[in-house]
C-alpha cells in the first residue's frame, strides 16, 4: 500500500478532533474505510513513531498524530 492512505489518515486525525476521538475509542471501526496493510494499521494503532518514520511519514506528522492519540 502506498503511504498516501496513511498520510490521509494522519492528516485527518490531526485536523478532525471527532475523528481522533473515534480512533481512540474504536480504532478498528474508525479505519474501516481505509485500505491499510497490517503493518500500517499496527503502527497507527499503537502510535509507533519509528514504524511510521520507516513508512516515510514525516516527523511533524507522526509527532502531531501522537499528540492527538
Protein backbone atom coordinates (compact mmCIF):
# COMPACT_ATOMS: atom_id res chain seq x y z
CA UNK A 1 0.00 0.00 0.00
CA UNK A 2 1.14 3.50 -0.76
CA UNK A 3 1.79 5.63 2.26
CA UNK A 4 -0.71 8.10 0.75
CA UNK A 5 -3.51 6.40 2.69
CA UNK A 6 -1.51 6.62 5.91
CA UNK A 7 -0.83 10.30 5.28
CA UNK A 8 -4.51 10.99 4.61
CA UNK A 9 -5.49 9.26 7.83
CA UNK A 10 -2.84 11.10 9.86
CA UNK A 11 -3.83 14.48 8.45
CA UNK A 12 -7.48 13.79 9.18
CA UNK A 13 -6.72 12.68 12.74
CA UNK A 14 -4.76 15.88 13.36
CA UNK A 15 -7.33 18.22 11.84
CA UNK A 16 -10.57 16.50 12.88
CA UNK A 17 -10.97 16.12 16.64
CA UNK A 18 -14.07 13.96 16.29
CA UNK A 19 -12.19 11.51 14.08
CA UNK A 20 -9.26 11.49 16.51
CA UNK A 21 -11.75 10.60 19.24
CA UNK A 22 -13.12 7.77 17.12
CA UNK A 23 -9.58 6.45 16.65
CA UNK A 24 -9.07 6.43 20.42
CA UNK A 25 -12.46 4.88 21.17
CA UNK A 26 -12.57 2.18 18.48
CA UNK A 27 -9.57 2.27 16.16
CA UNK A 28 -10.64 -0.68 14.01
CA UNK A 29 -14.08 0.79 13.31
CA UNK A 30 -12.64 4.26 12.61
CA UNK A 31 -10.20 2.99 9.97
CA UNK A 32 -12.59 0.51 8.37
CA UNK A 33 -12.84 2.52 5.13
CA UNK A 34 -9.08 2.90 4.77
CA UNK A 35 -7.04 0.37 2.79
CA UNK A 36 -4.27 -0.23 5.33
CA UNK A 37 -1.76 -3.05 5.49
CA UNK A 38 -1.42 -4.90 8.78
CA UNK A 39 1.89 -3.10 9.38
CA UNK A 40 0.35 0.32 8.74
CA UNK A 41 -2.62 -0.42 10.97
CA UNK A 42 -0.40 -1.63 13.79
CA UNK A 43 1.86 1.43 13.62
CA UNK A 44 -1.12 3.77 13.61
CA UNK A 45 -2.99 1.91 16.35
CA UNK A 46 -0.02 1.94 18.71
CA UNK A 47 1.34 5.35 17.67
CA UNK A 48 4.65 3.74 16.71
CA UNK A 49 6.62 6.80 15.58
CA UNK A 50 9.60 4.72 14.43
CA UNK A 51 7.31 2.49 12.38
CA UNK A 52 5.61 5.50 10.83
CA UNK A 53 9.00 7.03 10.00
CA UNK A 54 10.04 3.75 8.37
CA UNK A 55 6.97 4.10 6.13
CA UNK A 56 8.12 7.55 5.06
CA UNK A 57 5.90 9.62 7.33
CA UNK A 58 7.44 12.97 8.18
CA UNK A 59 8.35 13.55 11.81
CA UNK A 60 5.96 16.51 12.13
CA UNK A 61 3.01 14.29 11.18
CA UNK A 62 3.96 11.38 13.40
CA UNK A 63 4.51 13.69 16.38
CA UNK A 64 1.28 15.58 15.67
CA UNK A 65 -0.58 12.29 15.48
CA UNK A 66 0.95 11.14 18.76
CA UNK A 67 -0.39 14.28 20.43
CA UNK A 68 -3.96 13.52 19.33
CA UNK A 69 -3.90 9.80 20.10
